[in-house]
Amino acid sequence: RSDIRELISSTLKAPKDLIVIRKIKTPFGKNESFIELFIYDNKEKMLE
C-alpha cells in the first residue's frame, strides 16, 4: 500500500497523506493489480 500511495502521489501530484487505498485486487497468475482508491480534498473530511 505504501508503494502504491507513493506511485499515485508522484503520478497525480497529490499529497500522499490524502490518498486512501480501499481495495487491491490481483487476479491469480497475473502481473497486474486493480486498485480502488480515494483522494480527499482535506484531512479533516478524510478522518471524519
All heavy atoms as atom14 arrays in JSON, in Angstrom:
{
  "sequence": "RSDIRELISSTLKAPKDLIVIRKIKTPFGKNESFIELFIYDNKEKMLE",
  "atom14_mask": [
    [1, 1, 1, 1, 1, 1, 1, 1, 1, 1, 1, 0, 0, 0],
    [1, 1, 1, 1, 1, 1, 0, 0, 0, 0, 0, 0, 0, 0],
    [1, 1, 1, 1, 1, 1, 1, 1, 0, 0, 0, 0, 0, 0],
    [1, 1, 1, 1, 1, 1, 1, 1, 0, 0, 0, 0, 0, 0],
    [1, 1, 1, 1, 1, 1, 1, 1, 1, 1, 1, 0, 0, 0],
    [1, 1, 1, 1, 1, 1, 1, 1, 1, 0, 0, 0, 0, 0],
    [1, 1, 1, 1, 1, 1, 1, 1, 0, 0, 0, 0, 0, 0],
    [1, 1, 1, 1, 1, 1, 1, 1, 0, 0, 0, 0, 0, 0],
    [1, 1, 1, 1, 1, 1, 0, 0, 0, 0, 0, 0, 0, 0],
    [1, 1, 1, 1, 1, 1, 0, 0, 0, 0, 0, 0, 0, 0],
    [1, 1, 1, 1, 1, 1, 1, 0, 0, 0, 0, 0, 0, 0],
    [1, 1, 1, 1, 1, 1, 1, 1, 0, 0, 0, 0, 0, 0],
    [1, 1, 1, 1, 1, 1, 1, 1, 1, 0, 0, 0, 0, 0],
    [1, 1, 1, 1, 1, 0, 0, 0, 0, 0, 0, 0, 0, 0],
    [1, 1, 1, 1, 1, 1, 1, 0, 0, 0, 0, 0, 0, 0],
    [1, 1, 1, 1, 1, 1, 1, 1, 1, 0, 0, 0, 0, 0],
    [1, 1, 1, 1, 1, 1, 1, 1, 0, 0, 0, 0, 0, 0],
    [1, 1, 1, 1, 1, 1, 1, 1, 0, 0, 0, 0, 0, 0],
    [1, 1, 1, 1, 1, 1, 1, 1, 0, 0, 0, 0, 0, 0],
    [1, 1, 1, 1, 1, 1, 1, 0, 0, 0, 0, 0, 0, 0],
    [1, 1, 1, 1, 1, 1, 1, 1, 0, 0, 0, 0, 0, 0],
    [1, 1, 1, 1, 1, 1, 1, 1, 1, 1, 1, 0, 0, 0],
    [1, 1, 1, 1, 1, 1, 1, 1, 1, 0, 0, 0, 0, 0],
    [1, 1, 1, 1, 1, 1, 1, 1, 0, 0, 0, 0, 0, 0],
    [1, 1, 1, 1, 1, 1, 1, 1, 1, 0, 0, 0, 0, 0],
    [1, 1, 1, 1, 1, 1, 1, 0, 0, 0, 0, 0, 0, 0],
    [1, 1, 1, 1, 1, 1, 1, 0, 0, 0, 0, 0, 0, 0],
    [1, 1, 1, 1, 1, 1, 1, 1, 1, 1, 1, 0, 0, 0],
    [1, 1, 1, 1, 0, 0, 0, 0, 0, 0, 0, 0, 0, 0],
    [1, 1, 1, 1, 1, 1, 1, 1, 1, 0, 0, 0, 0, 0],
    [1, 1, 1, 1, 1, 1, 1, 1, 0, 0, 0, 0, 0, 0],
    [1, 1, 1, 1, 1, 1, 1, 1, 1, 0, 0, 0, 0, 0],
    [1, 1, 1, 1, 1, 1, 0, 0, 0, 0, 0, 0, 0, 0],
    [1, 1, 1, 1, 1, 1, 1, 1, 1, 1, 1, 0, 0, 0],
    [1, 1, 1, 1, 1, 1, 1, 1, 0, 0, 0, 0, 0, 0],
    [1, 1, 1, 1, 1, 1, 1, 1, 1, 0, 0, 0, 0, 0],
    [1, 1, 1, 1, 1, 1, 1, 1, 0, 0, 0, 0, 0, 0],
    [1, 1, 1, 1, 1, 1, 1, 1, 1, 1, 1, 0, 0, 0],
    [1, 1, 1, 1, 1, 1, 1, 1, 0, 0, 0, 0, 0, 0],
    [1, 1, 1, 1, 1, 1, 1, 1, 1, 1, 1, 1, 0, 0],
    [1, 1, 1, 1, 1, 1, 1, 1, 0, 0, 0, 0, 0, 0],
    [1, 1, 1, 1, 1, 1, 1, 1, 0, 0, 0, 0, 0, 0],
    [1, 1, 1, 1, 1, 1, 1, 1, 1, 0, 0, 0, 0, 0],
    [1, 1, 1, 1, 1, 1, 1, 1, 1, 0, 0, 0, 0, 0],
    [1, 1, 1, 1, 1, 1, 1, 1, 1, 0, 0, 0, 0, 0],
    [1, 1, 1, 1, 1, 1, 1, 1, 0, 0, 0, 0, 0, 0],
    [1, 1, 1, 1, 1, 1, 1, 1, 0, 0, 0, 0, 0, 0],
    [1, 1, 1, 1, 1, 1, 1, 1, 1, 0, 0, 0, 0, 0]
  ],
  "atom14_positions": [
    [[0.82, -1.2, 0.0], [0.0, 0.0, 0.0], [0.86, 1.26, 0.0], [0.54, 2.23, -0.68], [-0.94, 0.01, 1.2], [-2.05, -0.98, 1.07], [-2.95, -0.98, 2.3], [-3.9, -2.06, 2.22], [-5.09, -1.95, 1.64], [-5.49, -0.83, 1.15], [-5.89, -3.0, 1.59], [0.0, 0.0, 0.0], [0.0, 0.0, 0.0], [0.0, 0.0, 0.0]],
    [[1.94, 1.25, 0.75], [2.8, 2.44, 0.78], [3.48, 2.68, -0.57], [3.6, 3.83, -1.01], [3.83, 2.33, 1.9], [4.67, 1.23, 1.68], [0.0, 0.0, 0.0], [0.0, 0.0, 0.0], [0.0, 0.0, 0.0], [0.0, 0.0, 0.0], [0.0, 0.0, 0.0], [0.0, 0.0, 0.0], [0.0, 0.0, 0.0], [0.0, 0.0, 0.0]],
    [[3.89, 1.61, -1.26], [4.48, 1.76, -2.6], [3.46, 2.31, -3.59], [3.78, 3.17, -4.41], [5.02, 0.43, -3.11], [6.23, -0.07, -2.34], [6.86, 0.76, -1.65], [6.53, -1.27, -2.44], [0.0, 0.0, 0.0], [0.0, 0.0, 0.0], [0.0, 0.0, 0.0], [0.0, 0.0, 0.0], [0.0, 0.0, 0.0], [0.0, 0.0, 0.0]],
    [[2.23, 1.82, -3.51], [1.18, 2.29, -4.41], [0.86, 3.75, -4.13], [0.7, 4.55, -5.06], [-0.08, 1.41, -4.28], [0.21, 0.0, -4.79], [-1.25, 2.02, -5.04], [-0.87, -1.0, -4.51], [0.0, 0.0, 0.0], [0.0, 0.0, 0.0], [0.0, 0.0, 0.0], [0.0, 0.0, 0.0], [0.0, 0.0, 0.0], [0.0, 0.0, 0.0]],
    [[0.77, 4.12, -2.85], [0.48, 5.52, -2.5], [1.59, 6.44, -3.0], [1.32, 7.53, -3.49], [0.29, 5.65, -0.99], [-1.02, 5.02, -0.55], [-1.26, 5.02, 0.94], [-1.36, 6.37, 1.44], [-0.76, 6.81, 2.54], [-0.02, 5.99, 3.26], [-0.9, 8.03, 2.94], [0.0, 0.0, 0.0], [0.0, 0.0, 0.0], [0.0, 0.0, 0.0]],
    [[2.86, 6.01, -2.9], [3.99, 6.8, -3.43], [3.86, 6.98, -4.94], [4.04, 8.07, -5.47], [5.31, 6.1, -3.12], [5.75, 6.15, -1.7], [6.41, 7.47, -1.34], [6.9, 8.17, -2.24], [6.43, 7.78, -0.14], [0.0, 0.0, 0.0], [0.0, 0.0, 0.0], [0.0, 0.0, 0.0], [0.0, 0.0, 0.0], [0.0, 0.0, 0.0]],
    [[3.55, 5.88, -5.64], [3.43, 5.91, -7.09], [2.29, 6.82, -7.54], [2.47, 7.65, -8.44], [3.21, 4.48, -7.62], [3.07, 4.32, -9.12], [4.36, 4.7, -9.83], [2.69, 2.89, -9.45], [0.0, 0.0, 0.0], [0.0, 0.0, 0.0], [0.0, 0.0, 0.0], [0.0, 0.0, 0.0], [0.0, 0.0, 0.0], [0.0, 0.0, 0.0]],
    [[1.14, 6.7, -6.91], [-0.02, 7.52, -7.27], [0.24, 8.99, -6.93], [-0.11, 9.89, -7.68], [-1.3, 7.01, -6.57], [-1.62, 5.59, -7.01], [-2.47, 7.94, -6.83], [-1.83, 5.39, -8.49], [0.0, 0.0, 0.0], [0.0, 0.0, 0.0], [0.0, 0.0, 0.0], [0.0, 0.0, 0.0], [0.0, 0.0, 0.0], [0.0, 0.0, 0.0]],
    [[0.89, 9.23, -5.79], [1.21, 10.59, -5.38], [2.11, 11.27, -6.41], [1.88, 12.43, -6.78], [1.87, 10.58, -4.01], [2.27, 11.85, -3.63], [0.0, 0.0, 0.0], [0.0, 0.0, 0.0], [0.0, 0.0, 0.0], [0.0, 0.0, 0.0], [0.0, 0.0, 0.0], [0.0, 0.0, 0.0], [0.0, 0.0, 0.0], [0.0, 0.0, 0.0]],
    [[3.11, 10.56, -6.88], [4.01, 11.16, -7.87], [3.35, 11.27, -9.25], [3.62, 12.22, -9.99], [5.3, 10.35, -7.96], [5.04, 9.07, -8.45], [0.0, 0.0, 0.0], [0.0, 0.0, 0.0], [0.0, 0.0, 0.0], [0.0, 0.0, 0.0], [0.0, 0.0, 0.0], [0.0, 0.0, 0.0], [0.0, 0.0, 0.0], [0.0, 0.0, 0.0]],
    [[2.48, 10.34, -9.58], [1.82, 10.37, -10.88], [0.79, 11.49, -10.97], [0.76, 12.23, -11.96], [1.12, 9.02, -11.16], [2.07, 7.98, -11.09], [0.47, 9.01, -12.53], [0.0, 0.0, 0.0], [0.0, 0.0, 0.0], [0.0, 0.0, 0.0], [0.0, 0.0, 0.0], [0.0, 0.0, 0.0], [0.0, 0.0, 0.0], [0.0, 0.0, 0.0]],
    [[-0.05, 11.64, -9.94], [-1.13, 12.63, -9.97], [-0.78, 13.94, -9.27], [-1.61, 14.84, -9.22], [-2.39, 12.04, -9.32], [-3.0, 10.83, -9.99], [-4.21, 10.36, -9.22], [-3.39, 11.16, -11.43], [0.0, 0.0, 0.0], [0.0, 0.0, 0.0], [0.0, 0.0, 0.0], [0.0, 0.0, 0.0], [0.0, 0.0, 0.0], [0.0, 0.0, 0.0]],
    [[0.42, 14.03, -8.7], [0.85, 15.22, -7.95], [-0.12, 15.54, -6.82], [-0.5, 16.67, -6.58], [0.98, 16.44, -8.88], [1.82, 16.22, -10.11], [3.27, 16.04, -9.77], [4.13, 16.0, -11.0], [4.54, 14.69, -11.41], [0.0, 0.0, 0.0], [0.0, 0.0, 0.0], [0.0, 0.0, 0.0], [0.0, 0.0, 0.0], [0.0, 0.0, 0.0]],
    [[-0.54, 14.49, -6.11], [-1.47, 14.62, -4.98], [-0.7, 14.36, -3.69], [0.24, 13.56, -3.68], [-2.61, 13.62, -5.12], [0.0, 0.0, 0.0], [0.0, 0.0, 0.0], [0.0, 0.0, 0.0], [0.0, 0.0, 0.0], [0.0, 0.0, 0.0], [0.0, 0.0, 0.0], [0.0, 0.0, 0.0], [0.0, 0.0, 0.0], [0.0, 0.0, 0.0]],
    [[-1.08, 15.02, -2.59], [-0.41, 14.76, -1.31], [-0.63, 13.31, -0.86], [-1.74, 12.8, -0.91], [-1.09, 15.72, -0.33], [-1.83, 16.69, -1.16], [-2.09, 16.06, -2.48], [0.0, 0.0, 0.0], [0.0, 0.0, 0.0], [0.0, 0.0, 0.0], [0.0, 0.0, 0.0], [0.0, 0.0, 0.0], [0.0, 0.0, 0.0], [0.0, 0.0, 0.0]],
    [[0.44, 12.68, -0.44], [0.38, 11.26, -0.05], [-0.53, 11.02, 1.14], [-1.17, 9.99, 1.24], [1.8, 10.78, 0.24], [1.89, 9.33, 0.56], [3.31, 8.93, 0.85], [3.34, 7.52, 1.37], [4.66, 7.12, 1.81], [0.0, 0.0, 0.0], [0.0, 0.0, 0.0], [0.0, 0.0, 0.0], [0.0, 0.0, 0.0], [0.0, 0.0, 0.0]],
    [[-0.61, 11.99, 2.05], [-1.41, 11.8, 3.26], [-2.91, 11.98, 3.03], [-3.7, 11.8, 3.95], [-0.94, 12.73, 4.38], [-1.04, 14.2, 4.02], [-1.02, 14.51, 2.82], [-1.13, 15.02, 4.95], [0.0, 0.0, 0.0], [0.0, 0.0, 0.0], [0.0, 0.0, 0.0], [0.0, 0.0, 0.0], [0.0, 0.0, 0.0], [0.0, 0.0, 0.0]],
    [[-3.33, 12.29, 1.8], [-4.75, 12.38, 1.46], [-5.22, 11.23, 0.58], [-6.36, 11.2, 0.14], [-5.05, 13.72, 0.76], [-4.82, 14.98, 1.6], [-5.13, 16.22, 0.77], [-5.63, 14.96, 2.86], [0.0, 0.0, 0.0], [0.0, 0.0, 0.0], [0.0, 0.0, 0.0], [0.0, 0.0, 0.0], [0.0, 0.0, 0.0], [0.0, 0.0, 0.0]],
    [[-4.33, 10.27, 0.3], [-4.66, 9.13, -0.55], [-5.02, 7.94, 0.35], [-4.25, 7.55, 1.22], [-3.48, 8.76, -1.46], [-3.16, 9.92, -2.4], [-3.77, 7.5, -2.26], [-1.92, 9.73, -3.23], [0.0, 0.0, 0.0], [0.0, 0.0, 0.0], [0.0, 0.0, 0.0], [0.0, 0.0, 0.0], [0.0, 0.0, 0.0], [0.0, 0.0, 0.0]],
    [[-6.2, 7.38, 0.11], [-6.67, 6.22, 0.87], [-6.94, 5.08, -0.11], [-7.78, 5.21, -1.0], [-7.97, 6.55, 1.65], [-8.48, 5.32, 2.37], [-7.72, 7.68, 2.62], [0.0, 0.0, 0.0], [0.0, 0.0, 0.0], [0.0, 0.0, 0.0], [0.0, 0.0, 0.0], [0.0, 0.0, 0.0], [0.0, 0.0, 0.0], [0.0, 0.0, 0.0]],
    [[-6.24, 3.97, 0.07], [-6.45, 2.79, -0.76], [-7.52, 1.93, -0.1], [-7.37, 1.52, 1.04], [-5.15, 1.99, -0.95], [-4.13, 2.86, -1.68], [-5.42, 0.69, -1.71], [-2.77, 2.23, -1.81], [0.0, 0.0, 0.0], [0.0, 0.0, 0.0], [0.0, 0.0, 0.0], [0.0, 0.0, 0.0], [0.0, 0.0, 0.0], [0.0, 0.0, 0.0]],
    [[-8.6, 1.69, -0.81], [-9.69, 0.89, -0.27], [-9.51, -0.59, -0.58], [-9.79, -1.44, 0.25], [-11.04, 1.37, -0.83], [-11.47, 2.73, -0.39], [-11.72, 2.77, 1.09], [-12.86, 1.96, 1.46], [-13.88, 2.38, 2.15], [-13.91, 3.6, 2.58], [-14.87, 1.57, 2.43], [0.0, 0.0, 0.0], [0.0, 0.0, 0.0], [0.0, 0.0, 0.0]],
    [[-9.09, -0.91, -1.8], [-9.03, -2.31, -2.21], [-7.9, -2.52, -3.21], [-7.69, -1.7, -4.09], [-10.36, -2.69, -2.84], [-10.55, -4.16, -3.11], [-11.83, -4.45, -3.87], [-13.05, -3.98, -3.12], [-14.3, -4.32, -3.79], [0.0, 0.0, 0.0], [0.0, 0.0, 0.0], [0.0, 0.0, 0.0], [0.0, 0.0, 0.0], [0.0, 0.0, 0.0]],
    [[-7.19, -3.63, -3.06], [-6.2, -4.08, -4.03], [-6.6, -5.48, -4.47], [-6.74, -6.37, -3.64], [-4.78, -4.12, -3.43], [-4.36, -2.76, -2.91], [-3.78, -4.64, -4.47], [-3.05, -2.78, -2.15], [0.0, 0.0, 0.0], [0.0, 0.0, 0.0], [0.0, 0.0, 0.0], [0.0, 0.0, 0.0], [0.0, 0.0, 0.0], [0.0, 0.0, 0.0]],
    [[-6.8, -5.66, -5.75], [-7.21, -6.98, -6.25], [-6.23, -7.39, -7.35], [-6.07, -6.7, -8.34], [-8.63, -6.9, -6.79], [-9.16, -8.24, -7.19], [-10.65, -8.21, -7.31], [-11.14, -9.6, -7.61], [-12.17, -10.01, -6.73], [0.0, 0.0, 0.0], [0.0, 0.0, 0.0], [0.0, 0.0, 0.0], [0.0, 0.0, 0.0], [0.0, 0.0, 0.0]],
    [[-5.57, -8.53, -7.13], [-4.64, -9.07, -8.1], [-5.16, -10.43, -8.56], [-5.2, -11.37, -7.76], [-3.23, -9.24, -7.47], [-2.81, -7.99, -6.94], [-2.23, -9.7, -8.51], [0.0, 0.0, 0.0], [0.0, 0.0, 0.0], [0.0, 0.0, 0.0], [0.0, 0.0, 0.0], [0.0, 0.0, 0.0], [0.0, 0.0, 0.0], [0.0, 0.0, 0.0]],
    [[-5.56, -10.55, -9.84], [-6.01, -11.85, -10.34], [-4.87, -12.87, -10.29], [-3.7, -12.53, -10.49], [-6.41, -11.56, -11.78], [-6.61, -10.08, -11.86], [-5.69, -9.49, -10.84], [0.0, 0.0, 0.0], [0.0, 0.0, 0.0], [0.0, 0.0, 0.0], [0.0, 0.0, 0.0], [0.0, 0.0, 0.0], [0.0, 0.0, 0.0], [0.0, 0.0, 0.0]],
    [[-5.21, -14.12, -10.02], [-4.22, -15.19, -9.88], [-3.41, -15.35, -11.17], [-3.97, -15.45, -12.26], [-4.92, -16.51, -9.54], [-3.97, -17.65, -9.36], [-3.19, -17.74, -8.22], [-3.81, -18.6, -10.34], [-2.3, -18.78, -8.05], [-2.93, -19.64, -10.19], [-2.17, -19.73, -9.03], [0.0, 0.0, 0.0], [0.0, 0.0, 0.0], [0.0, 0.0, 0.0]],
    [[-2.1, -15.35, -11.02], [-1.21, -15.59, -12.15], [-0.97, -14.39, -13.04], [-0.32, -14.51, -14.07], [0.0, 0.0, 0.0], [0.0, 0.0, 0.0], [0.0, 0.0, 0.0], [0.0, 0.0, 0.0], [0.0, 0.0, 0.0], [0.0, 0.0, 0.0], [0.0, 0.0, 0.0], [0.0, 0.0, 0.0], [0.0, 0.0, 0.0], [0.0, 0.0, 0.0]],
    [[-1.46, -13.23, -12.66], [-1.3, -12.03, -13.49], [-0.29, -11.09, -12.85], [-0.08, -11.1, -11.64], [-2.63, -11.28, -13.63], [-3.72, -12.06, -14.3], [-3.66, -11.84, -15.77], [-4.86, -12.52, -16.41], [-5.1, -12.04, -17.72], [0.0, 0.0, 0.0], [0.0, 0.0, 0.0], [0.0, 0.0, 0.0], [0.0, 0.0, 0.0], [0.0, 0.0, 0.0]],
    [[0.33, -10.26, -13.66], [1.25, -9.24, -13.18], [0.59, -7.87, -13.18], [1.23, -6.87, -13.47], [2.51, -9.2, -14.04], [3.39, -10.4, -13.83], [3.37, -10.98, -12.76], [4.15, -10.77, -14.84], [0.0, 0.0, 0.0], [0.0, 0.0, 0.0], [0.0, 0.0, 0.0], [0.0, 0.0, 0.0], [0.0, 0.0, 0.0], [0.0, 0.0, 0.0]],
    [[-0.69, -7.85, -12.87], [-1.4, -6.58, -12.81], [-2.35, -6.59, -11.61], [-2.84, -7.65, -11.21], [-2.17, -6.31, -14.1], [-3.18, -7.37, -14.45], [-3.76, -7.22, -15.85], [-3.09, -6.65, -16.72], [-4.89, -7.68, -16.04], [0.0, 0.0, 0.0], [0.0, 0.0, 0.0], [0.0, 0.0, 0.0], [0.0, 0.0, 0.0], [0.0, 0.0, 0.0]],
    [[-2.54, -5.42, -11.04], [-3.43, -5.26, -9.89], [-4.41, -4.15, -10.18], [-4.08, -3.17, -10.86], [-2.63, -4.91, -8.64], [-1.74, -5.92, -8.31], [0.0, 0.0, 0.0], [0.0, 0.0, 0.0], [0.0, 0.0, 0.0], [0.0, 0.0, 0.0], [0.0, 0.0, 0.0], [0.0, 0.0, 0.0], [0.0, 0.0, 0.0], [0.0, 0.0, 0.0]],
    [[-5.62, -4.31, -9.65], [-6.64, -3.28, -9.77], [-6.79, -2.63, -8.41], [-7.02, -3.3, -7.41], [-7.95, -3.89, -10.26], [-7.84, -4.43, -11.65], [-7.53, -5.77, -11.86], [-7.99, -3.62, -12.75], [-7.4, -6.29, -13.13], [-7.86, -4.11, -14.03], [-7.57, -5.46, -14.23], [0.0, 0.0, 0.0], [0.0, 0.0, 0.0], [0.0, 0.0, 0.0]],
    [[-6.63, -1.32, -8.38], [-6.59, -0.56, -7.14], [-7.77, 0.4, -7.1], [-7.95, 1.2, -8.01], [-5.28, 0.27, -7.03], [-4.06, -0.53, -7.45], [-5.16, 0.9, -5.67], [-3.73, -1.7, -6.62], [0.0, 0.0, 0.0], [0.0, 0.0, 0.0], [0.0, 0.0, 0.0], [0.0, 0.0, 0.0], [0.0, 0.0, 0.0], [0.0, 0.0, 0.0]],
    [[-8.57, 0.3, -6.03], [-9.64, 1.25, -5.79], [-9.16, 2.2, -4.7], [-8.82, 1.75, -3.6], [-10.89, 0.51, -5.33], [-12.06, 1.39, -5.03], [-13.23, 0.59, -4.48], [-13.48, -0.53, -4.98], [-13.88, 1.09, -3.56], [0.0, 0.0, 0.0], [0.0, 0.0, 0.0], [0.0, 0.0, 0.0], [0.0, 0.0, 0.0], [0.0, 0.0, 0.0]],
    [[-9.08, 3.49, -5.02], [-8.59, 4.45, -4.03], [-9.33, 5.76, -4.11], [-9.96, 6.07, -5.12], [-7.08, 4.65, -4.15], [-6.47, 5.27, -5.4], [-6.52, 6.78, -5.37], [-5.04, 4.83, -5.52], [0.0, 0.0, 0.0], [0.0, 0.0, 0.0], [0.0, 0.0, 0.0], [0.0, 0.0, 0.0], [0.0, 0.0, 0.0], [0.0, 0.0, 0.0]],
    [[-9.24, 6.52, -3.02], [-9.87, 7.83, -2.91], [-8.79, 8.86, -2.6], [-7.88, 8.59, -1.83], [-10.91, 7.88, -1.79], [-11.99, 6.85, -1.88], [-12.52, 6.3, -0.74], [-12.48, 6.42, -3.1], [-13.53, 5.35, -0.8], [-13.48, 5.47, -3.19], [-14.01, 4.94, -2.03], [0.0, 0.0, 0.0], [0.0, 0.0, 0.0], [0.0, 0.0, 0.0]],
    [[-8.92, 10.04, -3.2], [-8.06, 11.17, -2.86], [-8.97, 12.27, -2.31], [-9.85, 12.76, -3.02], [-7.27, 11.68, -4.08], [-6.38, 10.57, -4.62], [-6.44, 12.9, -3.69], [-5.61, 10.93, -5.86], [0.0, 0.0, 0.0], [0.0, 0.0, 0.0], [0.0, 0.0, 0.0], [0.0, 0.0, 0.0], [0.0, 0.0, 0.0], [0.0, 0.0, 0.0]],
    [[-8.78, 12.59, -1.05], [-9.63, 13.57, -0.36], [-9.14, 14.99, -0.58], [-7.97, 15.23, -0.85], [-9.69, 13.25, 1.13], [-10.64, 12.12, 1.44], [-10.21, 10.8, 1.41], [-11.97, 12.37, 1.73], [-11.08, 9.77, 1.66], [-12.84, 11.34, 1.99], [-12.4, 10.05, 1.95], [-13.27, 9.03, 2.2], [0.0, 0.0, 0.0], [0.0, 0.0, 0.0]],
    [[-10.09, 15.95, -0.43], [-9.77, 17.36, -0.55], [-9.02, 17.88, 0.67], [-8.15, 18.73, 0.56], [-11.04, 18.19, -0.75], [-11.75, 17.85, -2.06], [-11.09, 17.33, -2.98], [-12.96, 18.1, -2.15], [0.0, 0.0, 0.0], [0.0, 0.0, 0.0], [0.0, 0.0, 0.0], [0.0, 0.0, 0.0], [0.0, 0.0, 0.0], [0.0, 0.0, 0.0]],
    [[-9.4, 17.38, 1.87], [-8.71, 17.8, 3.09], [-8.71, 16.66, 4.1], [-9.49, 15.73, 4.02], [-9.33, 19.08, 3.68], [-10.78, 18.91, 4.03], [-11.15, 17.97, 4.72], [-11.6, 19.84, 3.58], [0.0, 0.0, 0.0], [0.0, 0.0, 0.0], [0.0, 0.0, 0.0], [0.0, 0.0, 0.0], [0.0, 0.0, 0.0], [0.0, 0.0, 0.0]],
    [[-7.79, 16.77, 5.05], [-7.56, 15.7, 6.02], [-8.72, 15.55, 7.01], [-9.05, 14.44, 7.43], [-6.26, 15.95, 6.76], [-5.8, 14.77, 7.55], [-4.34, 14.86, 7.89], [-3.92, 13.58, 8.55], [-2.64, 13.12, 8.12], [0.0, 0.0, 0.0], [0.0, 0.0, 0.0], [0.0, 0.0, 0.0], [0.0, 0.0, 0.0], [0.0, 0.0, 0.0]],
    [[-9.36, 16.66, 7.37], [-10.47, 16.61, 8.33], [-11.62, 15.76, 7.8], [-12.18, 14.93, 8.52], [-10.97, 18.02, 8.67], [-9.99, 18.88, 9.43], [-8.92, 19.49, 8.53], [-9.19, 19.76, 7.35], [-7.8, 19.68, 9.02], [0.0, 0.0, 0.0], [0.0, 0.0, 0.0], [0.0, 0.0, 0.0], [0.0, 0.0, 0.0], [0.0, 0.0, 0.0]],
    [[-11.99, 15.97, 6.54], [-13.08, 15.18, 5.94], [-12.69, 13.71, 5.82], [-13.51, 12.83, 6.02], [-13.46, 15.74, 4.57], [-14.16, 17.06, 4.64], [-15.5, 16.92, 5.31], [-16.22, 18.24, 5.37], [-17.49, 18.15, 6.06], [0.0, 0.0, 0.0], [0.0, 0.0, 0.0], [0.0, 0.0, 0.0], [0.0, 0.0, 0.0], [0.0, 0.0, 0.0]],
    [[-11.43, 13.45, 5.5], [-10.97, 12.07, 5.38], [-11.1, 11.35, 6.72], [-11.61, 10.23, 6.78], [-9.51, 12.04, 4.91], [-8.93, 10.65, 4.82], [-7.19, 10.64, 4.42], [-6.49, 11.26, 5.95], [0.0, 0.0, 0.0], [0.0, 0.0, 0.0], [0.0, 0.0, 0.0], [0.0, 0.0, 0.0], [0.0, 0.0, 0.0], [0.0, 0.0, 0.0]],
    [[-10.65, 11.99, 7.8], [-10.73, 11.37, 9.13], [-12.17, 11.21, 9.59], [-12.48, 10.28, 10.34], [-9.94, 12.2, 10.14], [-8.43, 12.24, 9.9], [-7.78, 13.22, 10.86], [-7.82, 10.87, 10.01], [0.0, 0.0, 0.0], [0.0, 0.0, 0.0], [0.0, 0.0, 0.0], [0.0, 0.0, 0.0], [0.0, 0.0, 0.0], [0.0, 0.0, 0.0]],
    [[-13.05, 12.08, 9.14], [-14.46, 12.01, 9.51], [-15.21, 10.9, 8.76], [-16.04, 10.21, 9.34], [-15.11, 13.37, 9.2], [-16.57, 13.49, 9.51], [-17.11, 14.85, 9.1], [-16.4, 15.86, 9.25], [-18.24, 14.88, 8.6], [0.0, 0.0, 0.0], [0.0, 0.0, 0.0], [0.0, 0.0, 0.0], [0.0, 0.0, 0.0], [0.0, 0.0, 0.0]]
  ]
}
